[in-house]
Amino acid sequence: MSMIHKFSMNGYNIVLDVNGGAVHVVDEVAYNLVDLYKEKTKEEIIERLKENYTVEQINEAYDEIKTLEEEGLLYTEDTYQFHPSFVARKKVVKALCLHVAHDCNLKCKYCFAAQGDF
């Protein structure tokens, strides 16, 4: 499944291809078009956006997004979970909690509780 994340920050419209890691700074037309690109035809997108942009602007943005997709820079598929290095990896311990004693006598000199004076 392909996934994008988009946001605006400091006057920039940013589109992130989550699976591929590519980051794109796009104009307003492309920023609004990426939401529709995978679900609508080009004609439906033009119809939806033509009140705010010219048909030429929409066509240009559409062609740019299509090129990015064809080059593997946008809407990339998530292949990580099936990658051999992930599937065949050795299991590792990520965290370990060691309980030496379950009762505290507040006598440890290194204790954050200042040896019980709290």
PDB file of N, CA and C in Angstrom:
ATOM      1  N   MET A   1       0.840  -1.181   0.000  1.00  0.00           N
ATOM      2  CA  MET A   1       0.000   0.000   0.000  1.00  0.00           C
ATOM      3  C   MET A   1       0.881   1.238   0.000  1.00  0.00           C
ATOM      4  N   SER A   2       0.597   2.162  -0.869  1.00  0.00           N
ATOM      5  CA  SER A   2       1.361   3.404  -0.920  1.00  0.00           C
ATOM      6  C   SER A   2       0.770   4.402   0.060  1.00  0.00           C
ATOM      7  N   MET A   3       1.646   5.262   0.576  1.00  0.00           N
ATOM      8  CA  MET A   3       1.177   6.233   1.559  1.00  0.00           C
ATOM      9  C   MET A   3       1.961   7.535   1.398  1.00  0.00           C
ATOM     10  N   ILE A   4       1.232   8.634   1.419  1.00  0.00           N
ATOM     11  CA  ILE A   4       1.876   9.937   1.426  1.00  0.00           C
ATOM     12  C   ILE A   4       1.414  10.708   2.653  1.00  0.00           C
ATOM     13  N   HIS A   5       2.242  11.646   3.035  1.00  0.00           N
ATOM     14  CA  HIS A   5       1.890  12.560   4.124  1.00  0.00           C
ATOM     15  C   HIS A   5       2.181  13.955   3.594  1.00  0.00           C
ATOM     16  N   LYS A   6       1.252  14.873   3.761  1.00  0.00           N
ATOM     17  CA  LYS A   6       1.471  16.229   3.272  1.00  0.00           C
ATOM     18  C   LYS A   6       1.183  17.242   4.368  1.00  0.00           C
ATOM     19  N   PHE A   7       1.946  18.330   4.332  1.00  0.00           N
ATOM     20  CA  PHE A   7       1.739  19.395   5.303  1.00  0.00           C
ATOM     21  C   PHE A   7       2.331  20.690   4.761  1.00  0.00           C
ATOM     22  N   SER A   8       1.875  21.796   5.319  1.00  0.00           N
ATOM     23  CA  SER A   8       2.407  23.111   4.972  1.00  0.00           C
ATOM     24  C   SER A   8       3.157  23.652   6.175  1.00  0.00           C
ATOM     25  N   MET A   9       4.321  24.249   5.900  1.00  0.00           N
ATOM     26  CA  MET A   9       5.136  24.787   6.989  1.00  0.00           C
ATOM     27  C   MET A   9       5.950  25.970   6.466  1.00  0.00           C
ATOM     28  N   ASN A  10       5.860  27.082   7.144  1.00  0.00           N
ATOM     29  CA  ASN A  10       6.615  28.287   6.785  1.00  0.00           C
ATOM     30  C   ASN A  10       6.440  28.678   5.319  1.00  0.00           C
ATOM     31  N   GLY A  11       5.242  28.531   4.812  1.00  0.00           N
ATOM     32  CA  GLY A  11       4.968  28.916   3.436  1.00  0.00           C
ATOM     33  C   GLY A  11       5.312  27.865   2.389  1.00  0.00           C
ATOM     34  N   TYR A  12       5.790  26.697   2.803  1.00  0.00           N
ATOM     35  CA  TYR A  12       6.129  25.618   1.878  1.00  0.00           C
ATOM     36  C   TYR A  12       5.077  24.513   1.961  1.00  0.00           C
ATOM     37  N   ASN A  13       4.709  23.970   0.812  1.00  0.00           N
ATOM     38  CA  ASN A  13       3.828  22.811   0.742  1.00  0.00           C
ATOM     39  C   ASN A  13       4.717  21.586   0.556  1.00  0.00           C
ATOM     40  N   ILE A  14       4.673  20.688   1.506  1.00  0.00           N
ATOM     41  CA  ILE A  14       5.587  19.547   1.524  1.00  0.00           C
ATOM     42  C   ILE A  14       4.791  18.258   1.408  1.00  0.00           C
ATOM     43  N   VAL A  15       5.247  17.382   0.517  1.00  0.00           N
ATOM     44  CA  VAL A  15       4.639  16.066   0.330  1.00  0.00           C
ATOM     45  C   VAL A  15       5.728  15.035   0.572  1.00  0.00           C
ATOM     46  N   LEU A  16       5.467  14.115   1.504  1.00  0.00           N
ATOM     47  CA  LEU A  16       6.419  13.063   1.871  1.00  0.00           C
ATOM     48  C   LEU A  16       5.902  11.717   1.389  1.00  0.00           C
ATOM     49  N   ASP A  17       6.725  11.017   0.637  1.00  0.00           N
ATOM     50  CA  ASP A  17       6.406   9.640   0.270  1.00  0.00           C
ATOM     51  C   ASP A  17       6.902   8.770   1.428  1.00  0.00           C
ATOM     52  N   VAL A  18       5.989   8.288   2.239  1.00  0.00           N
ATOM     53  CA  VAL A  18       6.331   7.612   3.489  1.00  0.00           C
ATOM     54  C   VAL A  18       7.170   6.361   3.244  1.00  0.00           C
ATOM     55  N   ASN A  19       6.768   5.520   2.301  1.00  0.00           N
ATOM     56  CA  ASN A  19       7.475   4.265   2.082  1.00  0.00           C
ATOM     57  C   ASN A  19       8.828   4.449   1.413  1.00  0.00           C
ATOM     58  N   GLY A  20       8.948   5.428   0.524  1.00  0.00           N
ATOM     59  CA  GLY A  20      10.205   5.648  -0.187  1.00  0.00           C
ATOM     60  C   GLY A  20      11.113   6.646   0.487  1.00  0.00           C
ATOM     61  N   GLY A  21      10.552   7.529   1.306  1.00  0.00           N
ATOM     62  CA  GLY A  21      11.351   8.515   2.016  1.00  0.00           C
ATOM     63  C   GLY A  21      11.602   9.797   1.235  1.00  0.00           C
ATOM     64  N   ALA A  22      11.086   9.916   0.023  1.00  0.00           N
ATOM     65  CA  ALA A  22      11.303  11.125  -0.772  1.00  0.00           C
ATOM     66  C   ALA A  22      10.462  12.274  -0.225  1.00  0.00           C
ATOM     67  N   VAL A  23      11.068  13.458  -0.206  1.00  0.00           N
ATOM     68  CA  VAL A  23      10.389  14.664   0.264  1.00  0.00           C
ATOM     69  C   VAL A  23      10.308  15.633  -0.915  1.00  0.00           C
ATOM     70  N   HIS A  24       9.118  16.159  -1.168  1.00  0.00           N
ATOM     71  CA  HIS A  24       8.905  17.059  -2.297  1.00  0.00           C
ATOM     72  C   HIS A  24       8.297  18.367  -1.819  1.00  0.00           C
ATOM     73  N   VAL A  25       8.833  19.474  -2.302  1.00  0.00           N
ATOM     74  CA  VAL A  25       8.236  20.779  -2.079  1.00  0.00           C
ATOM     75  C   VAL A  25       7.458  21.088  -3.350  1.00  0.00           C
ATOM     76  N   VAL A  26       6.160  21.283  -3.211  1.00  0.00           N
ATOM     77  CA  VAL A  26       5.286  21.435  -4.379  1.00  0.00           C
ATOM     78  C   VAL A  26       4.502  22.738  -4.307  1.00  0.00           C
ATOM     79  N   ASP A  27       3.966  23.138  -5.462  1.00  0.00           N
ATOM     80  CA  ASP A  27       3.118  24.330  -5.474  1.00  0.00           C
ATOM     81  C   ASP A  27       1.721  23.974  -4.966  1.00  0.00           C
ATOM     82  N   GLU A  28       0.881  24.974  -4.867  1.00  0.00           N
ATOM     83  CA  GLU A  28      -0.458  24.791  -4.297  1.00  0.00           C
ATOM     84  C   GLU A  28      -1.325  23.842  -5.128  1.00  0.00           C
ATOM     85  N   VAL A  29      -1.172  23.901  -6.444  1.00  0.00           N
ATOM     86  CA  VAL A  29      -1.980  23.043  -7.312  1.00  0.00           C
ATOM     87  C   VAL A  29      -1.645  21.574  -7.058  1.00  0.00           C
ATOM     88  N   ALA A  30      -0.365  21.248  -7.092  1.00  0.00           N
ATOM     89  CA  ALA A  30       0.064  19.863  -6.862  1.00  0.00           C
ATOM     90  C   ALA A  30      -0.292  19.415  -5.447  1.00  0.00           C
ATOM     91  N   TYR A  31      -0.171  20.326  -4.491  1.00  0.00           N
ATOM     92  CA  TYR A  31      -0.498  20.012  -3.094  1.00  0.00           C
ATOM     93  C   TYR A  31      -1.952  19.575  -2.955  1.00  0.00           C
ATOM     94  N   ASN A  32      -2.847  20.251  -3.658  1.00  0.00           N
ATOM     95  CA  ASN A  32      -4.263  19.886  -3.607  1.00  0.00           C
ATOM     96  C   ASN A  32      -4.587  18.691  -4.492  1.00  0.00           C
ATOM     97  N   LEU A  33      -3.790  18.488  -5.521  1.00  0.00           N
ATOM     98  CA  LEU A  33      -4.044  17.408  -6.458  1.00  0.00           C
ATOM     99  C   LEU A  33      -3.641  16.032  -5.910  1.00  0.00           C
ATOM    100  N   VAL A  34      -2.619  15.969  -5.070  1.00  0.00           N
ATOM    101  CA  VAL A  34      -2.137  14.663  -4.590  1.00  0.00           C
ATOM    102  C   VAL A  34      -3.213  13.886  -3.827  1.00  0.00           C
ATOM    103  N   ASP A  35      -4.145  14.577  -3.209  1.00  0.00           N
ATOM    104  CA  ASP A  35      -5.233  13.887  -2.504  1.00  0.00           C
ATOM    105  C   ASP A  35      -6.175  13.162  -3.459  1.00  0.00           C
ATOM    106  N   LEU A  36      -6.288  13.670  -4.664  1.00  0.00           N
ATOM    107  CA  LEU A  36      -7.234  13.136  -5.633  1.00  0.00           C
ATOM    108  C   LEU A  36      -6.596  12.168  -6.630  1.00  0.00           C
ATOM    109  N   TYR A  37      -5.298  12.228  -6.777  1.00  0.00           N
ATOM    110  CA  TYR A  37      -4.578  11.551  -7.857  1.00  0.00           C
ATOM    111  C   TYR A  37      -4.855  10.054  -7.949  1.00  0.00           C
ATOM    112  N   LYS A  38      -4.831   9.348  -6.851  1.00  0.00           N
ATOM    113  CA  LYS A  38      -4.980   7.892  -6.872  1.00  0.00           C
ATOM    114  C   LYS A  38      -6.443   7.445  -6.976  1.00  0.00           C
ATOM    115  N   GLU A  39      -7.369   8.312  -6.642  1.00  0.00           N
ATOM    116  CA  GLU A  39      -8.777   7.907  -6.574  1.00  0.00           C
ATOM    117  C   GLU A  39      -9.625   8.429  -7.732  1.00  0.00           C
ATOM    118  N   LYS A  40      -9.161   9.452  -8.429  1.00  0.00           N
ATOM    119  CA  LYS A  40      -9.963  10.085  -9.483  1.00  0.00           C
ATOM    120  C   LYS A  40      -9.221  10.026 -10.811  1.00  0.00           C
ATOM    121  N   THR A  41      -9.999  10.090 -11.897  1.00  0.00           N
ATOM    122  CA  THR A  41      -9.392  10.192 -13.221  1.00  0.00           C
ATOM    123  C   THR A  41      -8.905  11.619 -13.419  1.00  0.00           C
ATOM    124  N   LYS A  42      -8.075  11.800 -14.444  1.00  0.00           N
ATOM    125  CA  LYS A  42      -7.573  13.137 -14.737  1.00  0.00           C
ATOM    126  C   LYS A  42      -8.725  14.098 -15.021  1.00  0.00           C
ATOM    127  N   GLU A  43      -9.723  13.634 -15.729  1.00  0.00           N
ATOM    128  CA  GLU A  43     -10.874  14.476 -16.059  1.00  0.00           C
ATOM    129  C   GLU A  43     -11.649  14.871 -14.796  1.00  0.00           C
ATOM    130  N   GLU A  44     -11.821  13.931 -13.882  1.00  0.00           N
ATOM    131  CA  GLU A  44     -12.521  14.231 -12.625  1.00  0.00           C
ATOM    132  C   GLU A  44     -11.737  15.231 -11.784  1.00  0.00           C
ATOM    133  N   ILE A  45     -10.413  15.104 -11.807  1.00  0.00           N
ATOM    134  CA  ILE A  45      -9.565  16.043 -11.060  1.00  0.00           C
ATOM    135  C   ILE A  45      -9.687  17.446 -11.647  1.00  0.00           C
ATOM    136  N   ILE A  46      -9.644  17.536 -12.962  1.00  0.00           N
ATOM    137  CA  ILE A  46      -9.790  18.839 -13.619  1.00  0.00           C
ATOM    138  C   ILE A  46     -11.132  19.465 -13.252  1.00  0.00           C
ATOM    139  N   GLU A  47     -12.188  18.667 -13.317  1.00  0.00           N
ATOM    140  CA  GLU A  47     -13.525  19.166 -12.982  1.00  0.00           C
ATOM    141  C   GLU A  47     -13.576  19.678 -11.542  1.00  0.00           C
ATOM    142  N   ARG A  48     -12.927  18.968 -10.641  1.00  0.00           N
ATOM    143  CA  ARG A  48     -12.955  19.329  -9.220  1.00  0.00           C
ATOM    144  C   ARG A  48     -12.141  20.592  -8.933  1.00  0.00           C
ATOM    145  N   LEU A  49     -11.013  20.769  -9.620  1.00  0.00           N
ATOM    146  CA  LEU A  49     -10.093  21.862  -9.289  1.00  0.00           C
ATOM    147  C   LEU A  49     -10.189  23.074 -10.209  1.00  0.00           C
ATOM    148  N   LYS A  50     -10.971  23.001 -11.283  1.00  0.00           N
ATOM    149  CA  LYS A  50     -10.960  24.073 -12.276  1.00  0.00           C
ATOM    150  C   LYS A  50     -11.533  25.394 -11.778  1.00  0.00           C
ATOM    151  N   GLU A  51     -12.238  25.393 -10.660  1.00  0.00           N
ATOM    152  CA  GLU A  51     -12.727  26.653 -10.101  1.00  0.00           C
ATOM    153  C   GLU A  51     -11.590  27.487  -9.508  1.00  0.00           C
ATOM    154  N   ASN A  52     -10.530  26.795  -9.052  1.00  0.00           N
ATOM    155  CA  ASN A  52      -9.424  27.503  -8.400  1.00  0.00           C
ATOM    156  C   ASN A  52      -8.174  27.637  -9.266  1.00  0.00           C
ATOM    157  N   TYR A  53      -8.041  26.786 -10.288  1.00  0.00           N
ATOM    158  CA  TYR A  53      -6.838  26.781 -11.117  1.00  0.00           C
ATOM    159  C   TYR A  53      -7.214  26.626 -12.586  1.00  0.00           C
ATOM    160  N   THR A  54      -6.318  27.034 -13.459  1.00  0.00           N
ATOM    161  CA  THR A  54      -6.570  26.859 -14.886  1.00  0.00           C
ATOM    162  C   THR A  54      -6.355  25.396 -15.248  1.00  0.00           C
ATOM    163  N   VAL A  55      -6.947  24.984 -16.357  1.00  0.00           N
ATOM    164  CA  VAL A  55      -6.784  23.608 -16.830  1.00  0.00           C
ATOM    165  C   VAL A  55      -5.310  23.333 -17.126  1.00  0.00           C
ATOM    166  N   GLU A  56      -4.615  24.335 -17.642  1.00  0.00           N
ATOM    167  CA  GLU A  56      -3.180  24.185 -17.928  1.00  0.00           C
ATOM    168  C   GLU A  56      -2.389  23.921 -16.639  1.00  0.00           C
ATOM    169  N   GLN A  57      -2.688  24.641 -15.579  1.00  0.00           N
ATOM    170  CA  GLN A  57      -2.003  24.433 -14.295  1.00  0.00           C
ATOM    171  C   GLN A  57      -2.280  23.024 -13.759  1.00  0.00           C
ATOM    172  N   ILE A  58      -3.506  22.585 -13.857  1.00  0.00           N
ATOM    173  CA  ILE A  58      -3.880  21.259 -13.358  1.00  0.00           C
ATOM    174  C   ILE A  58      -3.185  20.173 -14.168  1.00  0.00           C
ATOM    175  N   ASN A  59      -3.183  20.318 -15.500  1.00  0.00           N
ATOM    176  CA  ASN A  59      -2.505  19.344 -16.358  1.00  0.00           C
ATOM    177  C   ASN A  59      -1.013  19.266 -16.047  1.00  0.00           C
ATOM    178  N   GLU A  60      -0.385  20.416 -15.854  1.00  0.00           N
ATOM    179  CA  GLU A  60       1.047  20.453 -15.541  1.00  0.00           C
ATOM    180  C   GLU A  60       1.334  19.757 -14.214  1.00  0.00           C
ATOM    181  N   ALA A  61       0.544  20.052 -13.197  1.00  0.00           N
ATOM    182  CA  ALA A  61       0.731  19.418 -11.884  1.00  0.00           C
ATOM    183  C   ALA A  61       0.481  17.916 -11.974  1.00  0.00           C
ATOM    184  N   TYR A  62      -0.552  17.530 -12.691  1.00  0.00           N
ATOM    185  CA  TYR A  62      -0.873  16.105 -12.859  1.00  0.00           C
ATOM    186  C   TYR A  62       0.285  15.369 -13.530  1.00  0.00           C
ATOM    187  N   ASP A  63       0.829  15.953 -14.599  1.00  0.00           N
ATOM    188  CA  ASP A  63       1.939  15.322 -15.313  1.00  0.00           C
ATOM    189  C   ASP A  63       3.184  15.214 -14.431  1.00  0.00           C
ATOM    190  N   GLU A  64       3.444  16.220 -13.600  1.00  0.00           N
ATOM    191  CA  GLU A  64       4.590  16.181 -12.687  1.00  0.00           C
ATOM    192  C   GLU A  64       4.419  15.071 -11.649  1.00  0.00           C
ATOM    193  N   ILE A  65       3.228  14.947 -11.104  1.00  0.00           N
ATOM    194  CA  ILE A  65       2.964  13.894 -10.116  1.00  0.00           C
ATOM    195  C   ILE A  65       3.074  12.514 -10.769  1.00  0.00           C
ATOM    196  N   LYS A  66       2.557  12.394 -11.970  1.00  0.00           N
ATOM    197  CA  LYS A  66       2.644  11.126 -12.698  1.00  0.00           C
ATOM    198  C   LYS A  66       4.096  10.741 -12.946  1.00  0.00           C
ATOM    199  N   THR A  67       4.924  11.715 -13.329  1.00  0.00           N
ATOM    200  CA  THR A  67       6.352  11.464 -13.552  1.00  0.00           C
ATOM    201  C   THR A  67       7.029  11.015 -12.259  1.00  0.00           C
ATOM    202  N   LEU A  68       6.722  11.685 -11.146  1.00  0.00           N
ATOM    203  CA  LEU A  68       7.302  11.289  -9.856  1.00  0.00           C
ATOM    204  C   LEU A  68       6.899   9.865  -9.499  1.00  0.00           C
ATOM    205  N   GLU A  69       5.655   9.515  -9.758  1.00  0.00           N
ATOM    206  CA  GLU A  69       5.195   8.149  -9.482  1.00  0.00           C
ATOM    207  C   GLU A  69       5.931   7.144 -10.359  1.00  0.00           C
ATOM    208  N   GLU A  70       6.067   7.431 -11.645  1.00  0.00           N
ATOM    209  CA  GLU A  70       6.754   6.527 -12.571  1.00  0.00           C
ATOM    210  C   GLU A  70       8.227   6.352 -12.219  1.00  0.00           C
ATOM    211  N   GLU A  71       8.846   7.377 -11.650  1.00  0.00           N
ATOM    212  CA  GLU A  71      10.254   7.311 -11.262  1.00  0.00           C
ATOM    213  C   GLU A  71      10.447   6.699  -9.876  1.00  0.00           C
ATOM    214  N   GLY A  72       9.358   6.302  -9.227  1.00  0.00           N
ATOM    215  CA  GLY A  72       9.445   5.686  -7.910  1.00  0.00           C
ATOM    216  C   GLY A  72       9.715   6.660  -6.786  1.00  0.00           C
ATOM    217  N   LEU A  73       9.316   7.910  -6.986  1.00  0.00           N
ATOM    218  CA  LEU A  73       9.554   8.942  -5.981  1.00  0.00           C
ATOM    219  C   LEU A  73       8.297   9.393  -5.254  1.00  0.00           C
ATOM    220  N   LEU A  74       7.147   8.839  -5.657  1.00  0.00           N
ATOM    221  CA  LEU A  74       5.890   9.196  -5.022  1.00  0.00           C
ATOM    222  C   LEU A  74       4.947   8.011  -5.142  1.00  0.00           C
ATOM    223  N   TYR A  75       4.173   7.759  -4.113  1.00  0.00           N
ATOM    224  CA  TYR A  75       3.235   6.635  -4.042  1.00  0.00           C
ATOM    225  C   TYR A  75       3.950   5.280  -4.158  1.00  0.00           C
ATOM    226  N   THR A  76       5.123   5.158  -3.567  1.00  0.00           N
ATOM    227  CA  THR A  76       5.826   3.878  -3.620  1.00  0.00           C
ATOM    228  C   THR A  76       5.153   2.871  -2.702  1.00  0.00           C
ATOM    229  N   GLU A  77       5.243   1.615  -3.066  1.00  0.00           N
ATOM    230  CA  GLU A  77       4.628   0.541  -2.292  1.00  0.00           C
ATOM    231  C   GLU A  77       5.505   0.190  -1.092  1.00  0.00           C
ATOM    232  N   ASP A  78       4.887  -0.291  -0.035  1.00  0.00           N
ATOM    233  CA  ASP A  78       5.599  -0.730   1.168  1.00  0.00           C
ATOM    234  C   ASP A  78       6.091  -2.152   0.943  1.00  0.00           C
ATOM    235  N   THR A  79       7.376  -2.297   0.669  1.00  0.00           N
ATOM    236  CA  THR A  79       7.953  -3.621   0.444  1.00  0.00           C
ATOM    237  C   THR A  79       8.837  -4.045   1.609  1.00  0.00           C
ATOM    238  N   TYR A  80       8.975  -3.185   2.605  1.00  0.00           N
ATOM    239  CA  TYR A  80       9.885  -3.463   3.710  1.00  0.00           C
ATOM    240  C   TYR A  80       9.529  -4.745   4.459  1.00  0.00           C
ATOM    241  N   GLN A  81       8.253  -4.944   4.738  1.00  0.00           N
ATOM    242  CA  GLN A  81       7.851  -6.108   5.527  1.00  0.00           C
ATOM    243  C   GLN A  81       8.130  -7.422   4.811  1.00  0.00           C
ATOM    244  N   PHE A  82       8.333  -7.371   3.492  1.00  0.00           N
ATOM    245  CA  PHE A  82       8.607  -8.584   2.725  1.00  0.00           C
ATOM    246  C   PHE A  82      10.066  -8.701   2.312  1.00  0.00           C
ATOM    247  N   HIS A  83      10.881  -7.712   2.660  1.00  0.00           N
ATOM    248  CA  HIS A  83      12.297  -7.729   2.279  1.00  0.00           C
ATOM    249  C   HIS A  83      12.999  -8.885   2.987  1.00  0.00           C
ATOM    250  N   PRO A  84      13.841  -9.645   2.259  1.00  0.00           N
ATOM    251  CA  PRO A  84      14.508 -10.815   2.861  1.00  0.00           C
ATOM    252  C   PRO A  84      15.289 -10.492   4.131  1.00  0.00           C
ATOM    253  N   SER A  85      15.908  -9.331   4.199  1.00  0.00           N
ATOM    254  CA  SER A  85      16.675  -8.992   5.402  1.00  0.00           C
ATOM    255  C   SER A  85      15.773  -8.762   6.602  1.00  0.00           C
ATOM    256  N   PHE A  86      14.514  -8.438   6.362  1.00  0.00           N
ATOM    257  CA  PHE A  86      13.559  -8.253   7.449  1.00  0.00           C
ATOM    258  C   PHE A  86      12.906  -9.579   7.827  1.00  0.00           C
ATOM    259  N   VAL A  87      12.507 -10.349   6.834  1.00  0.00           N
ATOM    260  CA  VAL A  87      11.816 -11.612   7.075  1.00  0.00           C
ATOM    261  C   VAL A  87      12.744 -12.629   7.721  1.00  0.00           C
ATOM    262  N   ALA A  88      13.993 -12.716   7.248  1.00  0.00           N
ATOM    263  CA  ALA A  88      14.926 -13.745   7.716  1.00  0.00           C
ATOM    264  C   ALA A  88      15.855 -13.252   8.825  1.00  0.00           C
ATOM    265  N   ARG A  89      15.515 -12.165   9.465  1.00  0.00           N
ATOM    266  CA  ARG A  89      16.412 -11.610  10.488  1.00  0.00           C
ATOM    267  C   ARG A  89      16.392 -12.441  11.763  1.00  0.00           C
ATOM    268  N   LYS A  90      17.489 -12.350  12.496  1.00  0.00           N
ATOM    269  CA  LYS A  90      17.552 -12.995  13.805  1.00  0.00           C
ATOM    270  C   LYS A  90      16.718 -12.170  14.781  1.00  0.00           C
ATOM    271  N   LYS A  91      16.076 -12.836  15.679  1.00  0.00           N
ATOM    272  CA  LYS A  91      15.327 -12.132  16.717  1.00  0.00           C
ATOM    273  C   LYS A  91      16.323 -11.558  17.723  1.00  0.00           C
ATOM    274  N   VAL A  92      16.067 -10.350  18.179  1.00  0.00           N
ATOM    275  CA  VAL A  92      16.944  -9.691  19.137  1.00  0.00           C
ATOM    276  C   VAL A  92      16.122  -9.193  20.319  1.00  0.00           C
ATOM    277  N   VAL A  93      16.779  -9.071  21.442  1.00  0.00           N
ATOM    278  CA  VAL A  93      16.139  -8.524  22.631  1.00  0.00           C
ATOM    279  C   VAL A  93      16.241  -7.007  22.532  1.00  0.00           C
ATOM    280  N   LYS A  94      15.109  -6.326  22.536  1.00  0.00           N
ATOM    281  CA  LYS A  94      15.097  -4.873  22.440  1.00  0.00           C
ATOM    282  C   LYS A  94      15.129  -4.210  23.808  1.00  0.00           C
ATOM    283  N   ALA A  95      14.593  -4.877  24.817  1.00  0.00           N
ATOM    284  CA  ALA A  95      14.564  -4.314  26.160  1.00  0.00           C
ATOM    285  C   ALA A  95      14.570  -5.459  27.159  1.00  0.00           C
ATOM    286  N   LEU A  96      15.199  -5.199  28.293  1.00  0.00           N
ATOM    287  CA  LEU A  96      15.272  -6.208  29.329  1.00  0.00           C
ATOM    288  C   LEU A  96      15.136  -5.518  30.680  1.00  0.00           C
ATOM    289  N   CYS A  97      14.232  -5.991  31.489  1.00  0.00           N
ATOM    290  CA  CYS A  97      14.063  -5.468  32.841  1.00  0.00           C
ATOM    291  C   CYS A  97      14.500  -6.560  33.807  1.00  0.00           C
ATOM    292  N   LEU A  98      15.427  -6.225  34.669  1.00  0.00           N
ATOM    293  CA  LEU A  98      15.960  -7.190  35.625  1.00  0.00           C
ATOM    294  C   LEU A  98      15.523  -6.771  37.029  1.00  0.00           C
ATOM    295  N   HIS A  99      14.745  -7.635  37.666  1.00  0.00           N
ATOM    296  CA  HIS A  99      14.279  -7.363  39.024  1.00  0.00           C
ATOM    297  C   HIS A  99      15.151  -8.160  39.986  1.00  0.00           C
ATOM    298  N   VAL A 100      16.119  -7.488  40.604  1.00  0.00           N
ATOM    299  CA  VAL A 100      16.996  -8.153  41.557  1.00  0.00           C
ATOM    300  C   VAL A 100      16.264  -8.346  42.878  1.00  0.00           C
ATOM    301  N   ALA A 101      15.524  -7.351  43.267  1.00  0.00           N
ATOM    302  CA  ALA A 101      14.732  -7.448  44.498  1.00  0.00           C
ATOM    303  C   ALA A 101      13.442  -6.671  44.280  1.00  0.00           C
ATOM    304  N   HIS A 102      12.384  -7.156  44.873  1.00  0.00           N
ATOM    305  CA  HIS A 102      11.113  -6.476  44.713  1.00  0.00           C
ATOM    306  C   HIS A 102      10.791  -5.550  45.881  1.00  0.00           C
ATOM    307  N   ASP A 103      11.596  -5.571  46.901  1.00  0.00           N
ATOM    308  CA  ASP A 103      11.420  -4.684  48.052  1.00  0.00           C
ATOM    309  C   ASP A 103      12.612  -3.741  48.131  1.00  0.00           C
ATOM    310  N   CYS A 104      12.361  -2.483  48.411  1.00  0.00           N
ATOM    311  CA  CYS A 104      13.425  -1.486  48.508  1.00  0.00           C
ATOM    312  C   CYS A 104      13.674  -1.159  49.982  1.00  0.00           C
ATOM    313  N   ASN A 105      14.962  -1.167  50.371  1.00  0.00           N
ATOM    314  CA  ASN A 105      15.290  -0.770  51.742  1.00  0.00           C
ATOM    315  C   ASN A 105      15.830   0.658  51.791  1.00  0.00           C
ATOM    316  N   LEU A 106      15.797   1.356  50.623  1.00  0.00           N
ATOM    317  CA  LEU A 106      16.219   2.751  50.528  1.00  0.00           C
ATOM    318  C   LEU A 106      17.649   2.983  51.016  1.00  0.00           C
ATOM    319  N   LYS A 107      18.554   2.033  50.820  1.00  0.00           N
ATOM    320  CA  LYS A 107      19.921   2.145  51.313  1.00  0.00           C
ATOM    321  C   LYS A 107      20.965   2.283  50.210  1.00  0.00           C
ATOM    322  N   CYS A 108      20.570   2.231  48.949  1.00  0.00           N
ATOM    323  CA  CYS A 108      21.555   2.305  47.863  1.00  0.00           C
ATOM    324  C   CYS A 108      22.103   3.724  47.745  1.00  0.00           C
ATOM    325  N   LYS A 109      23.427   3.879  47.709  1.00  0.00           N
ATOM    326  CA  LYS A 109      24.052   5.198  47.644  1.00  0.00           C
ATOM    327  C   LYS A 109      23.778   5.905  46.311  1.00  0.00           C
ATOM    328  N   TYR A 110      23.527   5.159  45.238  1.00  0.00           N
ATOM    329  CA  TYR A 110      23.287   5.751  43.917  1.00  0.00           C
ATOM    330  C   TYR A 110      21.809   6.039  43.654  1.00  0.00           C
ATOM    331  N   CYS A 111      20.937   5.790  44.587  1.00  0.00           N
ATOM    332  CA  CYS A 111      19.490   5.904  44.387  1.00  0.00           C
ATOM    333  C   CYS A 111      19.078   7.370  44.179  1.00  0.00           C
ATOM    334  N   PHE A 112      18.149   7.584  43.233  1.00  0.00           N
ATOM    335  CA  PHE A 112      17.628   8.930  42.972  1.00  0.00           C
ATOM    336  C   PHE A 112      16.839   9.466  44.171  1.00  0.00           C
ATOM    337  N   ALA A 113      16.452   8.591  45.092  1.00  0.00           N
ATOM    338  CA  ALA A 113      15.678   9.018  46.252  1.00  0.00           C
ATOM    339  C   ALA A 113      16.581   9.454  47.402  1.00  0.00           C
ATOM    340  N   ALA A 114      17.853   9.659  47.128  1.00  0.00           N
ATOM    341  CA  ALA A 114      18.822  10.188  48.109  1.00  0.00           C
ATOM    342  C   ALA A 114      18.849   9.341  49.376  1.00  0.00           C
ATOM    343  N   GLN A 115      19.000   8.033  49.204  1.00  0.00           N
ATOM    344  CA  GLN A 115      19.137   7.078  50.307  1.00  0.00           C
ATOM    345  C   GLN A 115      17.971   7.166  51.289  1.00  0.00           C
ATOM    346  N   GLY A 116      16.840   7.500  50.801  1.00  0.00           N
ATOM    347  CA  GLY A 116      15.651   7.478  51.654  1.00  0.00           C
ATOM    348  C   GLY A 116      15.324   8.784  52.314  1.00  0.00           C
ATOM    349  N   ASP A 117      16.134   9.852  52.114  1.00  0.00           N
ATOM    350  CA  ASP A 117      15.833  11.138  52.715  1.00  0.00           C
ATOM    351  C   ASP A 117      14.935  11.941  51.775  1.00  0.00           C
ATOM    352  N   PHE A 118      13.650  11.618  51.777  1.00  0.00           N
ATOM    353  CA  PHE A 118      12.718  12.362  50.924  1.00  0.00           C
ATOM    354  C   PHE A 118      11.390  12.514  51.607  1.00  0.00           C
TER     355      PHE A 118
END
